[in-house]
């Protein structure tokens, strides 16, 4: 009979937790916006992201 070794790993980064926090933040910021305001919010965010990746 073969025995299985169980290796305990500790997470240094929890992807699911991080993305939930990001989505909640965005949802709160956009809660009272109309469609035009949402488009502008997303355009500005996209612009900032592009500046940071160059």
Protein backbone atom coordinates (compact mmCIF):
# COMPACT_ATOMS: atom_id res chain seq x y z
CA UNK A 1 0.00 0.00 0.00
CA UNK A 2 1.30 3.44 -0.96
CA UNK A 3 0.99 6.33 1.44
CA UNK A 4 0.41 9.87 0.32
CA UNK A 5 2.37 12.77 1.72
CA UNK A 6 0.42 15.88 2.50
CA UNK A 7 2.37 19.08 2.15
CA UNK A 8 0.93 22.12 3.87
CA UNK A 9 1.30 25.27 1.80
CA UNK A 10 0.80 28.78 3.04
CA UNK A 11 -0.56 31.39 0.70
CA UNK A 12 1.24 34.68 0.45
CA UNK A 13 -1.36 36.08 -1.97
CA UNK A 14 -5.06 35.23 -2.11
CA UNK A 15 -6.30 36.02 -5.61
CA UNK A 16 -10.00 35.50 -4.91
CA UNK A 17 -9.94 37.73 -1.83
CA UNK A 18 -8.05 40.46 -3.71
CA UNK A 19 -10.39 40.50 -6.70
CA UNK A 20 -13.46 40.54 -4.47
CA UNK A 21 -12.09 43.60 -2.68
CA UNK A 22 -11.37 45.33 -6.01
CA UNK A 23 -14.85 44.56 -7.36
CA UNK A 24 -16.50 45.82 -4.18
CA UNK A 25 -14.51 49.07 -4.31
CA UNK A 26 -15.46 49.68 -7.95
CA UNK A 27 -19.09 48.80 -7.27
CA UNK A 28 -19.27 51.31 -4.40
CA UNK A 29 -17.65 54.03 -6.51
CA UNK A 30 -20.04 53.46 -9.43
CA UNK A 31 -23.23 52.89 -7.43
CA UNK A 32 -24.79 56.33 -8.01
CA UNK A 33 -23.41 57.00 -11.50
CA UNK A 34 -25.44 57.25 -14.67
CA UNK A 35 -24.27 55.61 -17.91
CA UNK A 36 -22.24 58.59 -19.13
CA UNK A 37 -20.46 58.92 -15.77
CA UNK A 38 -19.63 55.20 -15.81
CA UNK A 39 -18.13 55.48 -19.30
CA UNK A 40 -15.97 58.41 -18.17
CA UNK A 41 -14.89 56.54 -15.01
CA UNK A 42 -13.83 53.52 -17.06
CA UNK A 43 -12.09 55.69 -19.67
CA UNK A 44 -10.05 57.48 -16.99
CA UNK A 45 -9.15 54.19 -15.31
CA UNK A 46 -8.06 52.74 -18.63
CA UNK A 47 -5.94 55.82 -19.35
CA UNK A 48 -4.22 55.60 -15.96
CA UNK A 49 -3.55 51.91 -16.46
CA UNK A 50 -1.97 52.50 -19.87
CA UNK A 51 0.29 55.22 -18.47
CA UNK A 52 1.46 52.86 -15.74
CA UNK A 53 2.32 50.00 -18.11
CA UNK A 54 4.55 51.97 -20.47
